[in-house]
N, C-alpha and C. Protein backbone atom coordinates (compact mmCIF):
# COMPACT_ATOMS: atom_id res chain seq x y z
N MET A 1 -9.24 8.60 -9.71
CA MET A 1 -8.35 7.67 -9.01
C MET A 1 -7.00 7.67 -9.70
N ILE A 2 -5.92 7.74 -8.93
CA ILE A 2 -4.57 7.76 -9.47
C ILE A 2 -3.82 6.55 -8.96
N ASN A 3 -3.24 5.81 -9.88
CA ASN A 3 -2.43 4.66 -9.52
C ASN A 3 -0.97 5.01 -9.72
N HIS A 4 -0.07 4.46 -8.87
CA HIS A 4 1.35 4.69 -9.11
C HIS A 4 1.95 3.48 -9.79
N ILE A 5 2.94 3.71 -10.62
CA ILE A 5 3.63 2.65 -11.33
C ILE A 5 5.09 2.70 -10.95
N ARG A 6 5.59 1.63 -10.40
CA ARG A 6 7.00 1.57 -10.03
C ARG A 6 7.83 1.38 -11.30
N ASN A 7 9.03 1.95 -11.26
CA ASN A 7 9.98 1.78 -12.35
C ASN A 7 9.39 2.21 -13.68
N ASN A 8 8.60 3.25 -13.67
CA ASN A 8 8.05 3.80 -14.89
C ASN A 8 8.05 5.30 -14.76
N VAL A 9 7.72 6.00 -15.82
CA VAL A 9 7.82 7.45 -15.82
C VAL A 9 6.46 8.11 -15.97
N THR A 10 5.39 7.33 -15.89
CA THR A 10 4.06 7.86 -16.17
C THR A 10 3.13 7.69 -14.98
N ILE A 11 2.31 8.71 -14.71
CA ILE A 11 1.24 8.61 -13.73
C ILE A 11 -0.08 8.53 -14.49
N PRO A 12 -0.72 7.36 -14.53
CA PRO A 12 -2.00 7.23 -15.24
C PRO A 12 -3.17 7.66 -14.36
N VAL A 13 -4.22 8.16 -14.99
CA VAL A 13 -5.42 8.58 -14.29
C VAL A 13 -6.62 7.90 -14.94
N VAL A 14 -7.51 7.36 -14.09
CA VAL A 14 -8.71 6.71 -14.60
C VAL A 14 -9.87 7.05 -13.66
N ALA A 15 -11.07 7.10 -14.17
CA ALA A 15 -12.25 7.38 -13.35
C ALA A 15 -12.39 6.32 -12.27
N SER A 16 -12.83 6.73 -11.07
CA SER A 16 -12.95 5.79 -9.95
C SER A 16 -13.96 4.69 -10.24
N SER A 17 -14.87 4.93 -11.19
CA SER A 17 -15.86 3.91 -11.57
C SER A 17 -15.25 2.85 -12.47
N GLY A 18 -14.05 3.11 -12.96
CA GLY A 18 -13.40 2.17 -13.86
C GLY A 18 -13.79 2.35 -15.31
N THR A 19 -14.64 3.32 -15.59
CA THR A 19 -15.09 3.56 -16.96
C THR A 19 -14.22 4.63 -17.62
N GLY A 20 -14.35 4.73 -18.93
CA GLY A 20 -13.60 5.75 -19.66
C GLY A 20 -12.19 5.31 -19.97
N LYS A 21 -11.48 6.18 -20.65
CA LYS A 21 -10.12 5.88 -21.08
C LYS A 21 -9.11 6.26 -19.99
N VAL A 22 -8.02 5.54 -19.99
CA VAL A 22 -6.92 5.87 -19.10
C VAL A 22 -6.12 7.01 -19.71
N GLU A 23 -5.93 8.06 -18.96
CA GLU A 23 -5.16 9.19 -19.42
C GLU A 23 -3.84 9.28 -18.64
N HIS A 24 -2.89 9.96 -19.21
CA HIS A 24 -1.60 10.12 -18.56
C HIS A 24 -1.50 11.52 -18.00
N LEU A 25 -1.52 11.60 -16.65
CA LEU A 25 -1.47 12.90 -16.01
C LEU A 25 -0.10 13.54 -16.14
N TYR A 26 0.94 12.72 -16.01
CA TYR A 26 2.27 13.29 -15.99
C TYR A 26 3.30 12.27 -16.45
N THR A 27 4.25 12.72 -17.23
CA THR A 27 5.33 11.87 -17.70
C THR A 27 6.64 12.65 -17.65
N GLU A 28 7.66 12.02 -17.09
CA GLU A 28 8.98 12.65 -16.99
C GLU A 28 10.03 11.56 -16.90
N PRO A 29 11.26 11.81 -17.37
CA PRO A 29 12.30 10.78 -17.33
C PRO A 29 12.83 10.53 -15.92
N LEU A 30 11.94 10.06 -15.05
CA LEU A 30 12.32 9.61 -13.71
C LEU A 30 11.90 8.15 -13.62
N THR A 31 12.62 7.37 -12.85
CA THR A 31 12.30 5.95 -12.81
C THR A 31 11.27 5.59 -11.75
N GLN A 32 11.03 6.48 -10.80
CA GLN A 32 10.08 6.16 -9.73
C GLN A 32 9.28 7.41 -9.37
N ILE A 33 7.97 7.33 -9.47
CA ILE A 33 7.08 8.39 -9.03
C ILE A 33 5.93 7.73 -8.27
N PHE A 34 5.73 8.12 -7.02
CA PHE A 34 4.71 7.49 -6.18
C PHE A 34 3.76 8.56 -5.65
N PRO A 35 2.62 8.82 -6.28
CA PRO A 35 1.65 9.78 -5.73
C PRO A 35 1.15 9.32 -4.36
N SER A 36 1.05 10.25 -3.40
CA SER A 36 0.69 9.86 -2.04
C SER A 36 -0.48 10.62 -1.44
N SER A 37 -0.59 11.93 -1.69
CA SER A 37 -1.59 12.72 -0.97
C SER A 37 -1.98 13.94 -1.79
N PHE A 38 -3.30 14.22 -1.84
CA PHE A 38 -3.83 15.40 -2.51
C PHE A 38 -3.93 16.57 -1.54
N SER A 39 -3.69 17.78 -2.05
CA SER A 39 -3.98 18.98 -1.28
C SER A 39 -5.49 19.15 -1.20
N LYS A 40 -5.94 19.99 -0.28
CA LYS A 40 -7.38 20.16 -0.05
C LYS A 40 -8.10 20.63 -1.30
N ASP A 41 -7.47 21.49 -2.09
CA ASP A 41 -8.10 22.01 -3.30
C ASP A 41 -7.89 21.10 -4.51
N GLY A 42 -7.16 19.99 -4.33
CA GLY A 42 -6.95 19.04 -5.40
C GLY A 42 -5.98 19.49 -6.47
N ARG A 43 -5.21 20.54 -6.20
CA ARG A 43 -4.32 21.09 -7.22
C ARG A 43 -2.87 20.66 -7.06
N ILE A 44 -2.54 20.04 -5.94
CA ILE A 44 -1.17 19.58 -5.71
C ILE A 44 -1.21 18.14 -5.20
N ILE A 45 -0.34 17.30 -5.74
CA ILE A 45 -0.18 15.93 -5.27
C ILE A 45 1.21 15.79 -4.68
N LEU A 46 1.28 15.34 -3.43
CA LEU A 46 2.57 15.00 -2.84
C LEU A 46 3.03 13.65 -3.39
N CYS A 47 4.29 13.58 -3.78
CA CYS A 47 4.81 12.36 -4.38
C CYS A 47 6.14 11.98 -3.75
N ARG A 48 6.43 10.70 -3.77
CA ARG A 48 7.77 10.21 -3.52
C ARG A 48 8.47 10.11 -4.86
N VAL A 49 9.66 10.62 -4.94
CA VAL A 49 10.38 10.66 -6.21
C VAL A 49 11.75 10.04 -6.01
N GLY A 50 12.11 9.09 -6.87
CA GLY A 50 13.40 8.42 -6.72
C GLY A 50 14.01 8.11 -8.07
N SER A 51 15.15 7.46 -8.03
CA SER A 51 15.84 7.05 -9.24
C SER A 51 16.45 5.69 -9.03
N SER A 52 16.76 5.02 -10.12
CA SER A 52 17.26 3.64 -10.04
C SER A 52 18.67 3.56 -9.46
N ASN A 53 19.42 4.66 -9.50
CA ASN A 53 20.80 4.62 -9.02
C ASN A 53 20.96 5.17 -7.61
N SER A 54 19.84 5.31 -6.89
CA SER A 54 19.92 5.86 -5.54
C SER A 54 18.90 5.17 -4.65
N TYR A 55 19.31 4.87 -3.40
CA TYR A 55 18.38 4.25 -2.45
C TYR A 55 17.41 5.27 -1.88
N SER A 56 17.80 6.54 -1.90
CA SER A 56 16.98 7.57 -1.28
C SER A 56 15.73 7.84 -2.11
N LEU A 57 14.67 8.21 -1.42
CA LEU A 57 13.44 8.67 -2.06
C LEU A 57 13.18 10.08 -1.55
N ASN A 58 13.03 11.02 -2.46
CA ASN A 58 12.78 12.40 -2.08
C ASN A 58 11.30 12.72 -2.17
N LEU A 59 10.90 13.84 -1.58
CA LEU A 59 9.52 14.27 -1.62
C LEU A 59 9.36 15.35 -2.67
N GLY A 60 8.36 15.19 -3.51
CA GLY A 60 8.08 16.17 -4.55
C GLY A 60 6.63 16.58 -4.52
N MET A 61 6.33 17.69 -5.20
CA MET A 61 4.94 18.13 -5.32
C MET A 61 4.64 18.33 -6.80
N LEU A 62 3.57 17.70 -7.24
CA LEU A 62 3.13 17.77 -8.62
C LEU A 62 1.96 18.74 -8.69
N ARG A 63 2.18 19.88 -9.32
CA ARG A 63 1.12 20.88 -9.47
C ARG A 63 0.29 20.53 -10.69
N ILE A 64 -1.00 20.38 -10.48
CA ILE A 64 -1.90 19.96 -11.54
C ILE A 64 -2.53 21.19 -12.17
N ASP A 65 -2.17 21.48 -13.41
CA ASP A 65 -2.78 22.56 -14.17
C ASP A 65 -2.73 22.15 -15.64
N ASP A 66 -2.76 23.13 -16.53
CA ASP A 66 -2.73 22.79 -17.96
C ASP A 66 -1.46 22.04 -18.34
N LYS A 67 -0.35 22.39 -17.66
CA LYS A 67 0.91 21.71 -17.89
C LYS A 67 1.48 21.28 -16.54
N PRO A 68 1.09 20.10 -16.04
CA PRO A 68 1.55 19.64 -14.73
C PRO A 68 3.07 19.66 -14.61
N GLN A 69 3.55 20.16 -13.48
CA GLN A 69 4.98 20.26 -13.26
C GLN A 69 5.34 19.60 -11.93
N LEU A 70 6.39 18.80 -11.95
CA LEU A 70 6.88 18.16 -10.74
C LEU A 70 8.05 18.96 -10.18
N GLU A 71 7.99 19.28 -8.90
CA GLU A 71 9.02 20.06 -8.24
C GLU A 71 9.44 19.35 -6.97
N LEU A 72 10.74 19.18 -6.76
CA LEU A 72 11.22 18.54 -5.54
C LEU A 72 10.99 19.48 -4.35
N PHE A 73 10.46 18.91 -3.29
CA PHE A 73 10.17 19.68 -2.08
C PHE A 73 11.21 19.42 -0.98
N LEU A 74 11.59 18.17 -0.82
CA LEU A 74 12.57 17.81 0.21
C LEU A 74 13.51 16.79 -0.39
N GLU A 75 14.78 17.13 -0.44
CA GLU A 75 15.78 16.29 -1.09
C GLU A 75 16.99 16.14 -0.18
N ASP A 76 17.29 14.90 0.21
CA ASP A 76 18.50 14.59 0.96
C ASP A 76 18.83 13.12 0.73
N GLU A 77 19.81 12.61 1.47
CA GLU A 77 20.28 11.24 1.23
C GLU A 77 19.45 10.19 1.94
N TYR A 78 18.42 10.59 2.67
CA TYR A 78 17.66 9.63 3.46
C TYR A 78 16.41 9.15 2.74
N LEU A 79 15.89 8.02 3.20
CA LEU A 79 14.66 7.47 2.64
C LEU A 79 13.47 8.20 3.26
N LYS A 80 12.62 8.75 2.42
CA LYS A 80 11.44 9.48 2.88
C LYS A 80 10.21 8.93 2.18
N THR A 81 9.19 8.57 2.94
CA THR A 81 8.00 7.95 2.36
C THR A 81 6.74 8.49 3.03
N GLN A 82 5.61 8.15 2.46
CA GLN A 82 4.28 8.38 3.04
C GLN A 82 4.00 9.85 3.38
N PRO A 83 4.28 10.79 2.49
CA PRO A 83 3.95 12.19 2.78
C PRO A 83 2.45 12.42 2.80
N ARG A 84 1.97 13.17 3.78
CA ARG A 84 0.54 13.44 3.94
C ARG A 84 0.30 14.92 4.26
N PHE A 85 -0.60 15.55 3.51
CA PHE A 85 -1.00 16.90 3.81
C PHE A 85 -1.82 16.95 5.09
N SER A 86 -1.59 17.99 5.91
CA SER A 86 -2.49 18.25 7.04
C SER A 86 -3.81 18.79 6.48
N PRO A 87 -4.89 18.76 7.27
CA PRO A 87 -6.20 19.22 6.78
C PRO A 87 -6.18 20.66 6.25
N ASP A 88 -5.33 21.52 6.81
CA ASP A 88 -5.27 22.91 6.33
C ASP A 88 -4.17 23.12 5.29
N ASN A 89 -3.48 22.05 4.90
CA ASN A 89 -2.42 22.09 3.88
C ASN A 89 -1.21 22.92 4.28
N LYS A 90 -1.07 23.24 5.56
CA LYS A 90 0.07 24.05 6.00
C LYS A 90 1.22 23.21 6.54
N TRP A 91 0.99 21.90 6.67
CA TRP A 91 2.01 21.00 7.20
C TRP A 91 2.00 19.69 6.42
N ILE A 92 3.14 19.03 6.42
CA ILE A 92 3.27 17.72 5.80
C ILE A 92 3.87 16.76 6.81
N ALA A 93 3.23 15.63 7.01
CA ALA A 93 3.78 14.56 7.84
C ALA A 93 4.36 13.50 6.92
N TYR A 94 5.47 12.90 7.31
CA TYR A 94 6.09 11.88 6.49
C TYR A 94 6.98 10.99 7.36
N ASN A 95 7.42 9.91 6.76
CA ASN A 95 8.28 8.95 7.43
C ASN A 95 9.69 9.08 6.87
N SER A 96 10.69 9.08 7.73
CA SER A 96 12.09 9.17 7.28
C SER A 96 12.97 8.32 8.17
N ASN A 97 14.05 7.79 7.59
CA ASN A 97 15.03 7.03 8.38
C ASN A 97 16.24 7.90 8.72
N LYS A 98 16.02 9.19 8.80
CA LYS A 98 17.09 10.15 9.09
C LYS A 98 17.84 9.84 10.38
N SER A 99 17.12 9.34 11.39
CA SER A 99 17.74 9.05 12.69
C SER A 99 18.40 7.68 12.74
N GLY A 100 18.26 6.91 11.67
CA GLY A 100 18.77 5.55 11.65
C GLY A 100 17.67 4.51 11.71
N ARG A 101 16.43 4.96 11.95
CA ARG A 101 15.27 4.08 11.90
C ARG A 101 14.07 4.91 11.45
N ASN A 102 12.99 4.25 11.14
CA ASN A 102 11.80 4.96 10.68
C ASN A 102 11.18 5.78 11.80
N GLU A 103 11.02 7.08 11.57
CA GLU A 103 10.37 7.98 12.51
C GLU A 103 9.45 8.91 11.74
N ILE A 104 8.49 9.49 12.45
CA ILE A 104 7.55 10.44 11.85
C ILE A 104 8.07 11.86 12.04
N TYR A 105 8.03 12.62 10.96
CA TYR A 105 8.42 14.03 10.99
C TYR A 105 7.29 14.88 10.43
N VAL A 106 7.25 16.13 10.86
CA VAL A 106 6.30 17.11 10.32
C VAL A 106 7.08 18.31 9.86
N ARG A 107 6.74 18.82 8.68
CA ARG A 107 7.44 19.97 8.11
C ARG A 107 6.41 20.96 7.57
N SER A 108 6.69 22.24 7.74
CA SER A 108 5.78 23.27 7.25
C SER A 108 5.74 23.26 5.73
N PHE A 109 4.65 23.73 5.17
CA PHE A 109 4.44 23.74 3.73
C PHE A 109 3.83 25.08 3.33
N PRO A 110 4.23 25.70 2.22
CA PRO A 110 5.07 25.15 1.15
C PRO A 110 6.55 25.53 1.23
N GLU A 111 7.00 26.14 2.33
CA GLU A 111 8.40 26.57 2.43
C GLU A 111 9.32 25.35 2.44
N LYS A 112 10.27 25.32 1.53
CA LYS A 112 11.18 24.19 1.44
C LYS A 112 12.17 24.14 2.60
N ASP A 113 12.48 25.29 3.15
CA ASP A 113 13.42 25.34 4.28
C ASP A 113 12.71 25.79 5.55
N GLY A 114 11.44 25.41 5.67
CA GLY A 114 10.64 25.86 6.79
C GLY A 114 10.86 25.06 8.06
N VAL A 115 9.96 25.24 9.01
CA VAL A 115 10.04 24.59 10.32
C VAL A 115 9.79 23.09 10.19
N TRP A 116 10.55 22.29 10.94
CA TRP A 116 10.28 20.85 10.97
C TRP A 116 10.42 20.35 12.39
N GLU A 117 9.76 19.22 12.66
CA GLU A 117 9.73 18.66 14.01
C GLU A 117 9.68 17.14 13.92
N GLN A 118 10.47 16.45 14.76
CA GLN A 118 10.35 15.00 14.87
C GLN A 118 9.22 14.67 15.82
N ILE A 119 8.29 13.83 15.38
CA ILE A 119 7.09 13.55 16.15
C ILE A 119 7.26 12.28 17.00
N SER A 120 7.63 11.18 16.38
CA SER A 120 7.82 9.93 17.13
C SER A 120 9.23 9.88 17.70
N THR A 121 9.39 9.13 18.78
CA THR A 121 10.70 9.02 19.42
C THR A 121 11.16 7.57 19.58
N ASP A 122 10.26 6.63 19.30
CA ASP A 122 10.57 5.22 19.48
C ASP A 122 10.21 4.42 18.24
N GLY A 123 10.27 5.08 17.08
CA GLY A 123 9.90 4.44 15.83
C GLY A 123 8.50 4.82 15.41
N GLY A 124 8.28 4.92 14.12
CA GLY A 124 6.95 5.25 13.62
C GLY A 124 6.93 5.31 12.11
N TYR A 125 5.75 5.07 11.54
CA TYR A 125 5.57 5.13 10.09
C TYR A 125 4.09 5.28 9.79
N SER A 126 3.77 5.57 8.53
CA SER A 126 2.41 5.66 8.02
C SER A 126 1.55 6.68 8.78
N PRO A 127 1.86 7.98 8.71
CA PRO A 127 1.08 8.98 9.44
C PRO A 127 -0.28 9.25 8.80
N LEU A 128 -1.26 9.56 9.64
CA LEU A 128 -2.60 9.97 9.20
C LEU A 128 -3.05 11.15 10.06
N TRP A 129 -3.57 12.18 9.41
CA TRP A 129 -4.09 13.34 10.13
C TRP A 129 -5.57 13.17 10.43
N SER A 130 -5.99 13.56 11.62
CA SER A 130 -7.42 13.66 11.92
C SER A 130 -7.94 14.92 11.23
N SER A 131 -9.13 14.83 10.65
CA SER A 131 -9.70 15.97 9.93
C SER A 131 -10.37 16.97 10.84
N ASN A 132 -10.70 16.57 12.08
CA ASN A 132 -11.46 17.46 12.96
C ASN A 132 -10.88 17.55 14.37
N LYS A 133 -9.69 17.00 14.58
CA LYS A 133 -9.04 17.06 15.88
C LYS A 133 -7.57 17.39 15.68
N SER A 134 -6.94 17.95 16.69
CA SER A 134 -5.51 18.25 16.60
C SER A 134 -4.70 17.01 16.95
N LYS A 135 -4.86 16.00 16.12
CA LYS A 135 -4.18 14.72 16.36
C LYS A 135 -3.56 14.20 15.08
N LEU A 136 -2.39 13.62 15.24
CA LEU A 136 -1.70 12.95 14.15
C LEU A 136 -1.48 11.51 14.58
N TYR A 137 -2.01 10.58 13.80
CA TYR A 137 -1.90 9.15 14.13
C TYR A 137 -0.78 8.52 13.32
N TYR A 138 -0.13 7.52 13.90
CA TYR A 138 0.87 6.77 13.16
C TYR A 138 0.97 5.37 13.75
N ARG A 139 1.64 4.48 13.03
CA ARG A 139 1.81 3.11 13.47
C ARG A 139 3.24 2.87 13.90
N ASN A 140 3.40 1.94 14.83
CA ASN A 140 4.72 1.52 15.28
C ASN A 140 4.61 0.05 15.66
N GLY A 141 4.94 -0.83 14.71
CA GLY A 141 4.74 -2.26 14.94
C GLY A 141 3.26 -2.56 15.05
N ASP A 142 2.85 -3.19 16.15
CA ASP A 142 1.44 -3.52 16.37
C ASP A 142 0.68 -2.39 17.06
N TYR A 143 1.35 -1.29 17.33
CA TYR A 143 0.71 -0.19 18.06
C TYR A 143 0.20 0.88 17.10
N VAL A 144 -0.92 1.48 17.48
CA VAL A 144 -1.41 2.70 16.83
C VAL A 144 -1.31 3.83 17.85
N VAL A 145 -0.58 4.87 17.49
CA VAL A 145 -0.27 5.96 18.41
C VAL A 145 -0.97 7.24 17.97
N ALA A 146 -1.49 7.99 18.94
CA ALA A 146 -2.10 9.30 18.67
C ALA A 146 -1.23 10.38 19.30
N ALA A 147 -0.75 11.30 18.47
CA ALA A 147 0.04 12.43 18.95
C ALA A 147 -0.84 13.69 18.91
N THR A 148 -1.08 14.30 20.06
CA THR A 148 -1.85 15.54 20.14
C THR A 148 -0.89 16.71 19.99
N TYR A 149 -1.24 17.65 19.12
CA TYR A 149 -0.32 18.74 18.83
C TYR A 149 -1.00 20.11 18.95
N VAL A 150 -0.17 21.14 19.03
CA VAL A 150 -0.63 22.53 19.00
C VAL A 150 0.24 23.28 18.00
N ILE A 151 -0.35 24.31 17.40
CA ILE A 151 0.39 25.18 16.49
C ILE A 151 0.63 26.49 17.22
N ASP A 152 1.84 26.70 17.70
CA ASP A 152 2.18 27.89 18.47
C ASP A 152 3.64 28.23 18.20
N ASN A 153 3.86 29.15 17.27
CA ASN A 153 5.22 29.46 16.82
C ASN A 153 5.92 28.20 16.32
N GLY A 154 5.17 27.38 15.62
CA GLY A 154 5.69 26.12 15.12
C GLY A 154 4.75 24.98 15.45
N PHE A 155 5.21 23.78 15.21
CA PHE A 155 4.41 22.58 15.43
C PHE A 155 4.96 21.85 16.65
N LYS A 156 4.13 21.66 17.68
CA LYS A 156 4.59 21.02 18.90
C LYS A 156 3.64 19.91 19.34
N VAL A 157 4.21 18.75 19.65
CA VAL A 157 3.43 17.64 20.21
C VAL A 157 3.38 17.81 21.72
N ILE A 158 2.17 17.83 22.28
CA ILE A 158 2.03 18.01 23.73
C ILE A 158 1.68 16.72 24.44
N ASP A 159 1.29 15.69 23.69
CA ASP A 159 0.96 14.42 24.34
C ASP A 159 0.94 13.32 23.29
N SER A 160 1.38 12.13 23.66
CA SER A 160 1.31 10.95 22.80
C SER A 160 0.80 9.78 23.62
N GLU A 161 -0.09 9.00 23.03
CA GLU A 161 -0.63 7.84 23.72
C GLU A 161 -0.91 6.72 22.73
N VAL A 162 -0.77 5.49 23.21
CA VAL A 162 -1.10 4.32 22.40
C VAL A 162 -2.61 4.14 22.43
N LEU A 163 -3.25 4.17 21.27
CA LEU A 163 -4.70 3.99 21.21
C LEU A 163 -5.09 2.53 21.38
N PHE A 164 -4.41 1.67 20.65
CA PHE A 164 -4.69 0.24 20.77
C PHE A 164 -3.53 -0.54 20.17
N GLN A 165 -3.53 -1.83 20.44
CA GLN A 165 -2.50 -2.73 19.94
C GLN A 165 -3.16 -3.98 19.41
N ASP A 166 -2.80 -4.38 18.21
CA ASP A 166 -3.31 -5.61 17.62
C ASP A 166 -2.46 -5.91 16.39
N ILE A 167 -2.63 -7.08 15.83
CA ILE A 167 -1.84 -7.49 14.68
C ILE A 167 -2.62 -7.16 13.41
N TYR A 168 -2.15 -6.13 12.70
CA TYR A 168 -2.75 -5.73 11.44
C TYR A 168 -1.71 -5.82 10.34
N PHE A 169 -2.18 -6.06 9.14
CA PHE A 169 -1.28 -6.27 8.01
C PHE A 169 -0.44 -5.02 7.74
N ASN A 170 0.86 -5.23 7.57
CA ASN A 170 1.76 -4.15 7.22
C ASN A 170 3.01 -4.76 6.61
N GLU A 171 2.97 -4.99 5.31
CA GLU A 171 4.07 -5.68 4.64
C GLU A 171 5.34 -4.85 4.62
N SER A 172 5.19 -3.53 4.48
CA SER A 172 6.37 -2.66 4.40
C SER A 172 6.06 -1.32 5.05
N PRO A 173 6.94 -0.79 5.92
CA PRO A 173 6.72 0.53 6.51
C PRO A 173 6.73 1.66 5.49
N ALA A 174 7.15 1.36 4.25
CA ALA A 174 7.17 2.38 3.20
C ALA A 174 5.83 2.51 2.49
N GLU A 175 4.92 1.57 2.72
CA GLU A 175 3.62 1.59 2.06
C GLU A 175 2.51 1.87 3.07
N ASP A 176 1.38 2.36 2.57
CA ASP A 176 0.23 2.65 3.42
C ASP A 176 -0.77 1.50 3.35
N TYR A 177 -1.12 0.94 4.50
CA TYR A 177 -2.06 -0.16 4.56
C TYR A 177 -3.22 0.16 5.50
N TRP A 178 -3.54 1.44 5.66
CA TRP A 178 -4.68 1.81 6.48
C TRP A 178 -5.12 3.21 6.08
N ASP A 179 -6.29 3.61 6.57
CA ASP A 179 -6.79 4.95 6.31
C ASP A 179 -7.72 5.34 7.45
N ILE A 180 -8.04 6.62 7.50
CA ILE A 180 -8.88 7.14 8.57
C ILE A 180 -10.20 7.63 8.00
N HIS A 181 -11.28 7.42 8.74
CA HIS A 181 -12.61 7.88 8.33
C HIS A 181 -12.69 9.40 8.47
N PRO A 182 -13.48 10.07 7.62
CA PRO A 182 -13.62 11.53 7.75
C PRO A 182 -14.06 12.01 9.12
N ASP A 183 -14.75 11.16 9.90
CA ASP A 183 -15.18 11.58 11.24
C ASP A 183 -14.02 11.60 12.23
N GLY A 184 -12.86 11.07 11.82
CA GLY A 184 -11.68 11.11 12.67
C GLY A 184 -11.67 10.12 13.81
N ASP A 185 -12.67 9.24 13.88
CA ASP A 185 -12.78 8.32 15.02
C ASP A 185 -12.64 6.85 14.64
N ARG A 186 -12.56 6.56 13.35
CA ARG A 186 -12.50 5.17 12.91
C ARG A 186 -11.39 4.99 11.88
N PHE A 187 -10.82 3.77 11.86
CA PHE A 187 -9.76 3.44 10.92
C PHE A 187 -10.18 2.24 10.07
N LEU A 188 -9.69 2.20 8.87
CA LEU A 188 -9.85 1.04 8.00
C LEU A 188 -8.50 0.34 7.93
N MET A 189 -8.47 -0.91 8.40
CA MET A 189 -7.22 -1.66 8.46
C MET A 189 -7.47 -3.10 8.03
N MET A 190 -6.41 -3.79 7.64
CA MET A 190 -6.52 -5.19 7.25
C MET A 190 -6.01 -6.06 8.39
N LYS A 191 -6.85 -6.95 8.86
CA LYS A 191 -6.47 -7.84 9.94
C LYS A 191 -5.49 -8.89 9.43
N GLU A 192 -4.41 -9.09 10.17
CA GLU A 192 -3.40 -10.06 9.77
C GLU A 192 -3.91 -11.46 9.98
N LYS A 193 -3.75 -12.32 8.97
CA LYS A 193 -4.17 -13.71 9.09
C LYS A 193 -3.15 -14.48 9.91
N ALA A 194 -3.62 -15.54 10.55
CA ALA A 194 -2.72 -16.40 11.31
C ALA A 194 -1.76 -17.12 10.35
N ALA A 195 -0.56 -17.38 10.79
CA ALA A 195 0.43 -18.04 9.95
C ALA A 195 -0.04 -19.45 9.62
N VAL A 196 0.16 -19.88 8.40
CA VAL A 196 -0.23 -21.23 7.99
C VAL A 196 0.82 -22.22 8.47
N SER A 197 0.41 -23.48 8.58
CA SER A 197 1.30 -24.50 9.15
C SER A 197 2.54 -24.73 8.31
N SER A 198 2.45 -24.48 6.98
CA SER A 198 3.59 -24.72 6.11
C SER A 198 4.67 -23.66 6.27
N GLY A 199 4.33 -22.57 6.97
CA GLY A 199 5.30 -21.50 7.14
C GLY A 199 5.25 -20.47 6.04
N GLU A 200 4.43 -20.71 5.00
CA GLU A 200 4.32 -19.75 3.91
C GLU A 200 3.48 -18.56 4.35
N LYS A 201 3.80 -17.41 3.83
CA LYS A 201 3.07 -16.19 4.18
C LYS A 201 1.70 -16.21 3.50
N PRO A 202 0.60 -16.06 4.25
CA PRO A 202 -0.72 -16.11 3.65
C PRO A 202 -0.94 -14.94 2.71
N GLN A 203 -1.69 -15.19 1.64
CA GLN A 203 -1.99 -14.15 0.68
C GLN A 203 -3.02 -13.19 1.25
N GLN A 204 -2.78 -11.89 1.08
CA GLN A 204 -3.68 -10.88 1.61
C GLN A 204 -4.62 -10.39 0.51
N ARG A 205 -5.85 -10.11 0.85
CA ARG A 205 -6.78 -9.56 -0.12
C ARG A 205 -7.90 -8.82 0.60
N ILE A 206 -8.55 -7.94 -0.12
CA ILE A 206 -9.71 -7.21 0.39
C ILE A 206 -10.91 -7.60 -0.46
N ASN A 207 -11.99 -8.01 0.19
CA ASN A 207 -13.24 -8.33 -0.50
C ASN A 207 -14.21 -7.16 -0.36
N ILE A 208 -14.75 -6.71 -1.48
CA ILE A 208 -15.74 -5.63 -1.49
C ILE A 208 -17.09 -6.23 -1.86
N ILE A 209 -18.07 -6.10 -0.98
CA ILE A 209 -19.40 -6.68 -1.19
C ILE A 209 -20.36 -5.56 -1.58
N LEU A 210 -21.00 -5.71 -2.74
CA LEU A 210 -21.96 -4.73 -3.23
C LEU A 210 -23.38 -5.22 -2.99
N ASN A 211 -24.28 -4.28 -2.75
CA ASN A 211 -25.72 -4.60 -2.58
C ASN A 211 -25.94 -5.67 -1.51
N TRP A 212 -25.24 -5.57 -0.41
CA TRP A 212 -25.33 -6.63 0.59
C TRP A 212 -26.65 -6.61 1.34
N PHE A 213 -27.36 -5.46 1.31
CA PHE A 213 -28.69 -5.43 1.93
C PHE A 213 -29.66 -6.36 1.19
N GLU A 214 -29.53 -6.41 -0.14
CA GLU A 214 -30.39 -7.30 -0.92
C GLU A 214 -30.07 -8.76 -0.59
N GLU A 215 -28.78 -9.07 -0.45
CA GLU A 215 -28.38 -10.42 -0.09
C GLU A 215 -28.89 -10.77 1.31
N LEU A 216 -28.86 -9.79 2.21
CA LEU A 216 -29.34 -10.01 3.57
C LEU A 216 -30.83 -10.30 3.58
N LYS A 217 -31.59 -9.59 2.76
CA LYS A 217 -33.04 -9.83 2.69
C LYS A 217 -33.35 -11.24 2.21
N LYS A 218 -32.55 -11.75 1.28
CA LYS A 218 -32.77 -13.10 0.76
C LYS A 218 -32.47 -14.15 1.82
N ARG A 219 -31.41 -13.90 2.59
CA ARG A 219 -31.00 -14.88 3.58
C ARG A 219 -31.80 -14.79 4.88
N VAL A 220 -32.22 -13.57 5.22
CA VAL A 220 -32.99 -13.38 6.45
C VAL A 220 -34.28 -12.62 6.10
N PRO A 221 -35.24 -13.31 5.56
CA PRO A 221 -36.48 -12.64 5.16
C PRO A 221 -37.21 -12.03 6.36
N VAL A 222 -37.77 -10.87 6.14
CA VAL A 222 -38.53 -10.18 7.18
C VAL A 222 -40.00 -10.14 6.78
N ASP A 223 -40.88 -10.62 7.68
CA ASP A 223 -42.31 -10.62 7.37
C ASP A 223 -42.90 -9.21 7.39
């Protein structure tokens, strides 16, 4: 498990079980490093890379080997967030405000000056790739949109449709607050709580219940 640290220069690594010592995967004199997505072989991490004197966030790739090296992949004056590898690692989806608002873009990988395509046309953020379908999902306000694509001399979207609409938690379009199941048919999202009467924003949290079958047996005994 890799955690990102804002305004720091270190990417710490710890076992997903929480045991063992915390190790430092990578350290460099940058003020912002945000790991976002692993390549299929686990050897490259897509990162958002920024600095304290610039509003822009660039996309970088951290190659994991004996001496991890961070290399900028996409660098310009715009804000770029949420980079995600496609299942075959040949494309990267990300969010950028290049057009003046948040939109989803796809760019070929690993060519730095390769083919790119704008996917959303009415706003979009937080892209997720289906692992077994030619679909790229993204959010736009309360909507979840599915873009069906083909790879034919480039990346082309042939259809887009709204899958569903509901109020789910999304504090910032620059952060990821959902994920997709490996079967490609289900999403994990946080339901937005109703506003409290005082007008204060309700605190969000995720509860993880362990051994709930044992608790169920105690509460609903079966003869």
